PDB file of N, CA and C in Angstrom:
ATOM      1  N   MET A   1       0.948  -1.050   0.120  1.00  0.00           N
ATOM      2  CA  MET A   1       0.131  -0.187  -0.021  1.00  0.00           C
ATOM      3  C   MET A   1       0.932   1.321   0.129  1.00  0.00           C
ATOM      4  N   PRO A   2       0.862   2.244  -0.850  1.00  0.00           N
ATOM      5  CA  PRO A   2       1.389   3.578  -1.043  1.00  0.00           C
ATOM      6  C   PRO A   2       1.161   4.214   0.206  1.00  0.00           C
ATOM      7  N   ARG A   3       2.195   4.849   0.685  1.00  0.00           N
ATOM      8  CA  ARG A   3       2.183   5.784   1.961  1.00  0.00           C
ATOM      9  C   ARG A   3       1.703   7.118   1.609  1.00  0.00           C
ATOM     10  N   GLU A   4       1.202   8.001   2.437  1.00  0.00           N
ATOM     11  CA  GLU A   4       0.621   9.250   1.996  1.00  0.00           C
ATOM     12  C   GLU A   4       1.984  10.091   2.301  1.00  0.00           C
ATOM     13  N   PRO A   5       2.028  10.811   1.441  1.00  0.00           N
ATOM     14  CA  PRO A   5       3.303  11.723   1.554  1.00  0.00           C
ATOM     15  C   PRO A   5       3.132  12.951   2.720  1.00  0.00           C
ATOM     16  N   ASP A   6       4.376  12.964   3.209  1.00  0.00           N
ATOM     17  CA  ASP A   6       4.181  13.939   4.404  1.00  0.00           C
ATOM     18  C   ASP A   6       4.377  15.336   4.351  1.00  0.00           C
ATOM     19  N   HIS A   7       3.315  15.943   4.331  1.00  0.00           N
ATOM     20  CA  HIS A   7       3.347  17.469   4.158  1.00  0.00           C
ATOM     21  C   HIS A   7       3.655  18.308   5.492  1.00  0.00           C
ATOM     22  N   GLY A   8       4.173  17.775   6.457  1.00  0.00           N
ATOM     23  CA  GLY A   8       4.409  18.168   7.781  1.00  0.00           C
ATOM     24  C   GLY A   8       2.971  18.932   8.604  1.00  0.00           C
ATOM     25  N   ILE A   9       1.942  18.138   8.164  1.00  0.00           N
ATOM     26  CA  ILE A   9       0.730  18.678   8.604  1.00  0.00           C
ATOM     27  C   ILE A   9       0.404  18.012   9.956  1.00  0.00           C
ATOM     28  N   THR A  10       0.528  18.654  11.012  1.00  0.00           N
ATOM     29  CA  THR A  10       0.331  18.058  12.456  1.00  0.00           C
ATOM     30  C   THR A  10      -0.699  19.015  13.432  1.00  0.00           C
ATOM     31  N   CYS A  11      -1.252  18.814  14.416  1.00  0.00           N
ATOM     32  CA  CYS A  11      -1.787  19.517  15.314  1.00  0.00           C
ATOM     33  C   CYS A  11      -1.120  20.993  15.583  1.00  0.00           C
ATOM     34  N   GLU A  12      -0.047  20.883  15.629  1.00  0.00           N
ATOM     35  CA  GLU A  12       0.900  22.145  16.165  1.00  0.00           C
ATOM     36  C   GLU A  12       1.055  23.201  14.968  1.00  0.00           C
ATOM     37  N   THR A  13       0.941  22.505  13.590  1.00  0.00           N
ATOM     38  CA  THR A  13       0.998  23.421  12.368  1.00  0.00           C
ATOM     39  C   THR A  13      -0.214  23.523  11.365  1.00  0.00           C
ATOM     40  N   CYS A  14      -1.218  23.274  12.144  1.00  0.00           N
ATOM     41  CA  CYS A  14      -2.730  23.495  11.774  1.00  0.00           C
ATOM     42  C   CYS A  14      -2.823  24.857  11.399  1.00  0.00           C
ATOM     43  N   ASP A  15      -3.421  25.428  10.361  1.00  0.00           N
ATOM     44  CA  ASP A  15      -3.756  26.797  10.253  1.00  0.00           C
ATOM     45  C   ASP A  15      -5.469  26.636   9.907  1.00  0.00           C
ATOM     46  N   ALA A  16      -5.985  25.868  10.545  1.00  0.00           N
ATOM     47  CA  ALA A  16      -7.564  25.731  10.452  1.00  0.00           C
ATOM     48  C   ALA A  16      -8.244  25.917   9.216  1.00  0.00           C
ATOM     49  N   ALA A  17      -7.466  25.703   7.912  1.00  0.00           N
ATOM     50  CA  ALA A  17      -8.189  25.863   6.742  1.00  0.00           C
ATOM     51  C   ALA A  17      -9.473  25.325   6.791  1.00  0.00           C
ATOM     52  N   CYS A  18      -9.700  24.249   7.465  1.00  0.00           N
ATOM     53  CA  CYS A  18     -11.354  23.533   7.561  1.00  0.00           C
ATOM     54  C   CYS A  18     -12.163  24.543   8.044  1.00  0.00           C
ATOM     55  N   CYS A  19     -11.671  25.345   9.092  1.00  0.00           N
ATOM     56  CA  CYS A  19     -12.639  26.114   9.962  1.00  0.00           C
ATOM     57  C   CYS A  19     -13.377  27.331   9.055  1.00  0.00           C
ATOM     58  N   ARG A  20     -13.036  27.277   7.994  1.00  0.00           N
ATOM     59  CA  ARG A  20     -13.721  28.600   7.106  1.00  0.00           C
ATOM     60  C   ARG A  20     -14.666  27.678   5.746  1.00  0.00           C
ATOM     61  N   LEU A  21     -15.000  26.286   6.231  1.00  0.00           N
ATOM     62  CA  LEU A  21     -15.836  25.627   5.499  1.00  0.00           C
ATOM     63  C   LEU A  21     -17.019  25.689   5.892  1.00  0.00           C
ATOM     64  N   GLU A  22     -18.422  25.579   5.249  1.00  0.00           N
ATOM     65  CA  GLU A  22     -19.693  25.658   5.859  1.00  0.00           C
ATOM     66  C   GLU A  22     -19.645  24.001   6.409  1.00  0.00           C
ATOM     67  N   VAL A  23     -20.245  23.953   7.712  1.00  0.00           N
ATOM     68  CA  VAL A  23     -20.458  22.913   8.410  1.00  0.00           C
ATOM     69  C   VAL A  23     -21.764  22.551   8.710  1.00  0.00           C
ATOM     70  N   LEU A  24     -22.364  21.231   8.360  1.00  0.00           N
ATOM     71  CA  LEU A  24     -24.014  21.267   8.635  1.00  0.00           C
ATOM     72  C   LEU A  24     -23.830  20.048   9.954  1.00  0.00           C
ATOM     73  N   CYS A  25     -24.828  20.232  10.698  1.00  0.00           N
ATOM     74  CA  CYS A  25     -24.636  19.500  11.863  1.00  0.00           C
ATOM     75  C   CYS A  25     -25.685  18.407  11.397  1.00  0.00           C
ATOM     76  N   LEU A  26     -25.140  17.373  11.070  1.00  0.00           N
ATOM     77  CA  LEU A  26     -26.320  16.268  10.435  1.00  0.00           C
ATOM     78  C   LEU A  26     -26.634  15.135  11.619  1.00  0.00           C
ATOM     79  N   THR A  27     -25.658  15.277  12.719  1.00  0.00           N
ATOM     80  CA  THR A  27     -25.931  14.277  14.112  1.00  0.00           C
ATOM     81  C   THR A  27     -26.080  15.024  15.192  1.00  0.00           C
ATOM     82  N   GLU A  28     -26.512  14.544  16.404  1.00  0.00           N
ATOM     83  CA  GLU A  28     -26.356  15.111  17.660  1.00  0.00           C
ATOM     84  C   GLU A  28     -25.003  14.586  18.247  1.00  0.00           C
ATOM     85  N   THR A  29     -24.038  15.613  18.547  1.00  0.00           N
ATOM     86  CA  THR A  29     -22.929  15.365  19.006  1.00  0.00           C
ATOM     87  C   THR A  29     -22.956  16.382  20.488  1.00  0.00           C
ATOM     88  N   GLY A  30     -23.960  17.064  20.494  1.00  0.00           N
ATOM     89  CA  GLY A  30     -23.962  18.179  21.902  1.00  0.00           C
ATOM     90  C   GLY A  30     -23.246  19.671  21.544  1.00  0.00           C
ATOM     91  N   VAL A  31     -23.331  20.112  20.253  1.00  0.00           N
ATOM     92  CA  VAL A  31     -22.730  21.068  20.137  1.00  0.00           C
ATOM     93  C   VAL A  31     -23.670  22.180  20.543  1.00  0.00           C
ATOM     94  N   PRO A  32     -22.808  23.030  21.534  1.00  0.00           N
ATOM     95  CA  PRO A  32     -23.915  24.178  21.891  1.00  0.00           C
ATOM     96  C   PRO A  32     -24.647  25.142  21.158  1.00  0.00           C
ATOM     97  N   GLN A  33     -25.953  24.963  21.345  1.00  0.00           N
ATOM     98  CA  GLN A  33     -26.821  26.100  20.275  1.00  0.00           C
ATOM     99  C   GLN A  33     -26.097  27.419  20.019  1.00  0.00           C
ATOM    100  N   CYS A  34     -25.635  27.966  20.869  1.00  0.00           N
ATOM    101  CA  CYS A  34     -24.917  29.368  20.744  1.00  0.00           C
ATOM    102  C   CYS A  34     -23.894  29.352  19.588  1.00  0.00           C
ATOM    103  N   PHE A  35     -23.342  28.289  19.121  1.00  0.00           N
ATOM    104  CA  PHE A  35     -22.521  28.256  17.818  1.00  0.00           C
ATOM    105  C   PHE A  35     -22.965  27.554  16.710  1.00  0.00           C
ATOM    106  N   THR A  36     -24.400  27.609  16.573  1.00  0.00           N
ATOM    107  CA  THR A  36     -25.074  27.078  15.559  1.00  0.00           C
ATOM    108  C   THR A  36     -26.181  28.276  14.958  1.00  0.00           C
ATOM    109  N   ARG A  37     -26.595  27.843  13.738  1.00  0.00           N
ATOM    110  CA  ARG A  37     -27.593  28.748  13.293  1.00  0.00           C
ATOM    111  C   ARG A  37     -28.460  27.975  12.364  1.00  0.00           C
ATOM    112  N   ARG A  38     -29.639  28.203  11.755  1.00  0.00           N
ATOM    113  CA  ARG A  38     -30.280  27.813  10.602  1.00  0.00           C
ATOM    114  C   ARG A  38     -29.777  28.477   9.591  1.00  0.00           C
ATOM    115  N   ASP A  39     -29.896  27.529   8.540  1.00  0.00           N
ATOM    116  CA  ASP A  39     -29.246  28.010   7.168  1.00  0.00           C
ATOM    117  C   ASP A  39     -30.697  28.319   6.274  1.00  0.00           C
ATOM    118  N   ALA A  40     -30.597  28.627   5.009  1.00  0.00           N
ATOM    119  CA  ALA A  40     -32.046  28.847   4.472  1.00  0.00           C
ATOM    120  C   ALA A  40     -32.508  27.793   4.068  1.00  0.00           C
ATOM    121  N   TRP A  41     -32.240  26.661   4.305  1.00  0.00           N
ATOM    122  CA  TRP A  41     -33.315  25.332   4.125  1.00  0.00           C
ATOM    123  C   TRP A  41     -33.965  24.759   5.252  1.00  0.00           C
ATOM    124  N   GLY A  42     -33.552  25.553   5.970  1.00  0.00           N
ATOM    125  CA  GLY A  42     -33.937  24.935   7.674  1.00  0.00           C
ATOM    126  C   GLY A  42     -33.068  24.024   8.521  1.00  0.00           C
ATOM    127  N   GLY A  43     -31.912  23.696   7.597  1.00  0.00           N
ATOM    128  CA  GLY A  43     -31.017  22.840   8.379  1.00  0.00           C
ATOM    129  C   GLY A  43     -29.797  23.427   9.335  1.00  0.00           C
ATOM    130  N   THR A  44     -29.622  22.797  10.372  1.00  0.00           N
ATOM    131  CA  THR A  44     -28.491  23.708  11.350  1.00  0.00           C
ATOM    132  C   THR A  44     -27.334  23.302  10.914  1.00  0.00           C
ATOM    133  N   VAL A  45     -26.522  24.429  10.860  1.00  0.00           N
ATOM    134  CA  VAL A  45     -25.312  24.756  10.307  1.00  0.00           C
ATOM    135  C   VAL A  45     -24.382  25.646  11.612  1.00  0.00           C
ATOM    136  N   MET A  46     -23.086  25.287  11.616  1.00  0.00           N
ATOM    137  CA  MET A  46     -22.157  26.050  12.586  1.00  0.00           C
ATOM    138  C   MET A  46     -22.088  27.527  12.129  1.00  0.00           C
ATOM    139  N   ASP A  47     -22.247  28.124  13.114  1.00  0.00           N
ATOM    140  CA  ASP A  47     -22.563  29.767  12.638  1.00  0.00           C
ATOM    141  C   ASP A  47     -20.783  30.117  12.378  1.00  0.00           C
ATOM    142  N   ARG A  48     -20.977  31.161  11.620  1.00  0.00           N
ATOM    143  CA  ARG A  48     -19.416  31.665  11.297  1.00  0.00           C
ATOM    144  C   ARG A  48     -19.622  33.347  11.503  1.00  0.00           C
ATOM    145  N   LEU A  49     -18.320  33.708  11.609  1.00  0.00           N
ATOM    146  CA  LEU A  49     -18.204  35.331  11.918  1.00  0.00           C
ATOM    147  C   LEU A  49     -18.385  35.782  10.859  1.00  0.00           C
ATOM    148  N   ASP A  50     -18.307  37.016  10.751  1.00  0.00           N
ATOM    149  CA  ASP A  50     -18.603  37.933  10.021  1.00  0.00           C
ATOM    150  C   ASP A  50     -17.341  37.819   8.807  1.00  0.00           C
ATOM    151  N   ASP A  51     -16.084  37.281   9.280  1.00  0.00           N
ATOM    152  CA  ASP A  51     -14.793  37.158   8.216  1.00  0.00           C
ATOM    153  C   ASP A  51     -15.008  35.678   7.690  1.00  0.00           C
ATOM    154  N   GLY A  52     -15.782  34.836   7.946  1.00  0.00           N
ATOM    155  CA  GLY A  52     -15.878  33.582   7.658  1.00  0.00           C
ATOM    156  C   GLY A  52     -15.362  32.636   8.305  1.00  0.00           C
ATOM    157  N   TRP A  53     -14.713  32.632   9.599  1.00  0.00           N
ATOM    158  CA  TRP A  53     -14.171  31.627  10.507  1.00  0.00           C
ATOM    159  C   TRP A  53     -15.611  31.258  10.965  1.00  0.00           C
ATOM    160  N   CYS A  54     -15.185  29.848  11.751  1.00  0.00           N
ATOM    161  CA  CYS A  54     -16.186  29.256  12.589  1.00  0.00           C
ATOM    162  C   CYS A  54     -16.427  29.700  13.761  1.00  0.00           C
ATOM    163  N   ALA A  55     -17.523  30.144  14.362  1.00  0.00           N
ATOM    164  CA  ALA A  55     -17.617  30.938  15.482  1.00  0.00           C
ATOM    165  C   ALA A  55     -16.756  29.979  16.670  1.00  0.00           C
ATOM    166  N   ALA A  56     -16.917  28.721  16.635  1.00  0.00           N
ATOM    167  CA  ALA A  56     -16.283  28.010  17.800  1.00  0.00           C
ATOM    168  C   ALA A  56     -14.772  27.847  17.819  1.00  0.00           C
ATOM    169  N   LEU A  57     -14.241  28.610  16.963  1.00  0.00           N
ATOM    170  CA  LEU A  57     -12.541  28.716  16.839  1.00  0.00           C
ATOM    171  C   LEU A  57     -12.212  29.678  17.718  1.00  0.00           C
ATOM    172  N   ASP A  58     -11.064  29.093  18.400  1.00  0.00           N
ATOM    173  CA  ASP A  58     -10.375  29.973  19.537  1.00  0.00           C
ATOM    174  C   ASP A  58      -9.289  30.692  18.333  1.00  0.00           C
ATOM    175  N   ARG A  59      -9.499  32.168  18.491  1.00  0.00           N
ATOM    176  CA  ARG A  59      -8.510  32.732  17.320  1.00  0.00           C
ATOM    177  C   ARG A  59      -7.018  33.122  17.642  1.00  0.00           C
ATOM    178  N   ASP A  60      -7.046  32.700  18.946  1.00  0.00           N
ATOM    179  CA  ASP A  60      -5.520  32.807  19.552  1.00  0.00           C
ATOM    180  C   ASP A  60      -4.719  31.722  19.329  1.00  0.00           C
ATOM    181  N   SER A  61      -5.476  30.548  19.249  1.00  0.00           N
ATOM    182  CA  SER A  61      -4.817  29.143  19.628  1.00  0.00           C
ATOM    183  C   SER A  61      -5.119  28.136  17.911  1.00  0.00           C
ATOM    184  N   LEU A  62      -6.010  28.773  17.255  1.00  0.00           N
ATOM    185  CA  LEU A  62      -6.880  28.276  15.777  1.00  0.00           C
ATOM    186  C   LEU A  62      -7.068  26.765  16.702  1.00  0.00           C
ATOM    187  N   ARG A  63      -7.545  26.624  17.449  1.00  0.00           N
ATOM    188  CA  ARG A  63      -8.196  25.492  18.257  1.00  0.00           C
ATOM    189  C   ARG A  63      -9.598  25.315  18.592  1.00  0.00           C
ATOM    190  N   CYS A  64     -10.160  24.349  18.240  1.00  0.00           N
ATOM    191  CA  CYS A  64     -11.880  24.330  18.154  1.00  0.00           C
ATOM    192  C   CYS A  64     -12.082  24.582  19.823  1.00  0.00           C
ATOM    193  N   ARG A  65     -12.970  25.651  20.205  1.00  0.00           N
ATOM    194  CA  ARG A  65     -13.410  25.309  21.610  1.00  0.00           C
ATOM    195  C   ARG A  65     -14.312  24.533  22.025  1.00  0.00           C
ATOM    196  N   ILE A  66     -15.103  23.803  21.109  1.00  0.00           N
ATOM    197  CA  ILE A  66     -15.788  22.640  21.579  1.00  0.00           C
ATOM    198  C   ILE A  66     -15.461  21.309  20.964  1.00  0.00           C
ATOM    199  N   TYR A  67     -14.259  21.015  20.921  1.00  0.00           N
ATOM    200  CA  TYR A  67     -13.923  19.967  20.124  1.00  0.00           C
ATOM    201  C   TYR A  67     -14.423  18.528  20.536  1.00  0.00           C
ATOM    202  N   ALA A  68     -14.518  18.401  21.881  1.00  0.00           N
ATOM    203  CA  ALA A  68     -15.295  17.136  22.492  1.00  0.00           C
ATOM    204  C   ALA A  68     -16.810  16.942  21.683  1.00  0.00           C
ATOM    205  N   TRP A  69     -17.664  18.244  21.596  1.00  0.00           N
ATOM    206  CA  TRP A  69     -18.777  18.347  21.174  1.00  0.00           C
ATOM    207  C   TRP A  69     -18.905  18.790  19.541  1.00  0.00           C
ATOM    208  N   ARG A  70     -17.644  18.750  18.870  1.00  0.00           N
ATOM    209  CA  ARG A  70     -17.952  19.223  17.318  1.00  0.00           C
ATOM    210  C   ARG A  70     -18.489  18.250  16.392  1.00  0.00           C
ATOM    211  N   PRO A  71     -19.365  18.922  15.434  1.00  0.00           N
ATOM    212  CA  PRO A  71     -19.992  18.352  14.387  1.00  0.00           C
ATOM    213  C   PRO A  71     -19.382  16.896  13.869  1.00  0.00           C
ATOM    214  N   LEU A  72     -20.305  15.971  13.265  1.00  0.00           N
ATOM    215  CA  LEU A  72     -19.733  14.730  12.887  1.00  0.00           C
ATOM    216  C   LEU A  72     -18.829  14.981  11.617  1.00  0.00           C
ATOM    217  N   VAL A  73     -19.007  16.308  10.664  1.00  0.00           N
ATOM    218  CA  VAL A  73     -18.531  16.561   9.806  1.00  0.00           C
ATOM    219  C   VAL A  73     -17.025  17.159  10.067  1.00  0.00           C
ATOM    220  N   CYS A  74     -16.798  17.537  11.086  1.00  0.00           N
ATOM    221  CA  CYS A  74     -15.580  18.131  11.418  1.00  0.00           C
ATOM    222  C   CYS A  74     -14.896  16.735  11.960  1.00  0.00           C
ATOM    223  N   ARG A  75     -15.549  15.656  12.635  1.00  0.00           N
ATOM    224  CA  ARG A  75     -14.826  14.776  13.228  1.00  0.00           C
ATOM    225  C   ARG A  75     -14.446  13.879  12.105  1.00  0.00           C
ATOM    226  N   GLU A  76     -14.813  13.879  11.218  1.00  0.00           N
ATOM    227  CA  GLU A  76     -14.483  13.139   9.863  1.00  0.00           C
ATOM    228  C   GLU A  76     -13.440  13.850   9.162  1.00  0.00           C
ATOM    229  N   PHE A  77     -13.118  15.033   9.286  1.00  0.00           N
ATOM    230  CA  PHE A  77     -12.543  15.724   8.389  1.00  0.00           C
ATOM    231  C   PHE A  77     -10.982  15.512   8.853  1.00  0.00           C
ATOM    232  N   GLU A  78     -10.182  14.532   7.988  1.00  0.00           N
ATOM    233  CA  GLU A  78      -8.930  14.119   8.730  1.00  0.00           C
ATOM    234  C   GLU A  78      -7.587  15.137   8.459  1.00  0.00           C
ATOM    235  N   MET A  79      -7.323  15.343   9.698  1.00  0.00           N
ATOM    236  CA  MET A  79      -5.869  16.248   9.578  1.00  0.00           C
ATOM    237  C   MET A  79      -4.744  15.370   8.383  1.00  0.00           C
ATOM    238  N   GLY A  80      -4.332  16.072   7.378  1.00  0.00           N
ATOM    239  CA  GLY A  80      -3.396  15.720   6.542  1.00  0.00           C
ATOM    240  C   GLY A  80      -3.916  15.137   5.645  1.00  0.00           C
ATOM    241  N   GLY A  81      -5.328  14.761   5.683  1.00  0.00           N
ATOM    242  CA  GLY A  81      -6.110  13.652   4.484  1.00  0.00           C
ATOM    243  C   GLY A  81      -6.252  14.930   3.225  1.00  0.00           C
ATOM    244  N   PRO A  82      -7.026  14.195   2.366  1.00  0.00           N
ATOM    245  CA  PRO A  82      -7.047  14.649   0.782  1.00  0.00           C
ATOM    246  C   PRO A  82      -7.653  16.016   0.898  1.00  0.00           C
ATOM    247  N   ASP A  83      -8.907  16.162   2.017  1.00  0.00           N
ATOM    248  CA  ASP A  83      -9.703  16.944   1.945  1.00  0.00           C
ATOM    249  C   ASP A  83      -9.034  18.061   2.695  1.00  0.00           C
ATOM    250  N   CYS A  84      -8.427  18.037   3.543  1.00  0.00           N
ATOM    251  CA  CYS A  84      -7.239  18.803   4.512  1.00  0.00           C
ATOM    252  C   CYS A  84      -6.281  19.438   3.469  1.00  0.00           C
ATOM    253  N   ARG A  85      -5.651  18.599   2.613  1.00  0.00           N
ATOM    254  CA  ARG A  85      -4.469  19.243   1.418  1.00  0.00           C
ATOM    255  C   ARG A  85      -5.357  19.926   0.641  1.00  0.00           C
ATOM    256  N   ILE A  86      -6.445  19.903   0.056  1.00  0.00           N
ATOM    257  CA  ILE A  86      -6.883  20.396  -0.647  1.00  0.00           C
ATOM    258  C   ILE A  86      -7.397  21.918  -0.131  1.00  0.00           C
ATOM    259  N   GLU A  87      -7.829  22.289   1.301  1.00  0.00           N
ATOM    260  CA  GLU A  87      -8.157  23.382   1.552  1.00  0.00           C
ATOM    261  C   GLU A  87      -6.785  23.963   2.188  1.00  0.00           C
ATOM    262  N   ARG A  88      -5.598  23.359   2.126  1.00  0.00           N
ATOM    263  CA  ARG A  88      -4.473  24.051   2.336  1.00  0.00           C
ATOM    264  C   ARG A  88      -3.793  24.640   1.164  1.00  0.00           C
ATOM    265  N   GLY A  89      -4.308  23.953  -0.205  1.00  0.00           N
ATOM    266  CA  GLY A  89      -3.730  24.303  -1.428  1.00  0.00           C
ATOM    267  C   GLY A  89      -2.622  23.449  -1.633  1.00  0.00           C
ATOM    268  N   ILE A  90      -2.550  22.267  -0.918  1.00  0.00           N
ATOM    269  CA  ILE A  90      -0.901  21.211  -1.124  1.00  0.00           C
ATOM    270  C   ILE A  90      -1.540  20.675  -2.260  1.00  0.00           C
ATOM    271  N   ALA A  91      -0.900  20.578  -3.495  1.00  0.00           N
ATOM    272  CA  ALA A  91      -1.090  19.398  -4.480  1.00  0.00           C
ATOM    273  C   ALA A  91      -0.175  18.418  -4.165  1.00  0.00           C
ATOM    274  N   GLU A  92      -0.722  17.115  -4.788  1.00  0.00           N
ATOM    275  CA  GLU A  92       0.281  15.892  -4.515  1.00  0.00           C
ATOM    276  C   GLU A  92       1.119  15.808  -5.568  1.00  0.00           C
TER     277      GLU A  92
END
């Protein structure tokens, strides 16, 4: 099995690129309601600040303030995975 390229992506070097994406809350994980809103279709999504960043992101540390209760989509977004590399603009 081929090994994934090492792009130096770790929690310590994370630039929270995924925290600018639209996140649907598809399952109940305990996301505090103050961090969510209803979208135009009536779905629950993570609220975002005026500049596009997720409202649950700690701007100083670039860490999720609700990590233990984050939405399923965030749980499945693999650090260093294909989607992460796309958001960071890293080509294979």
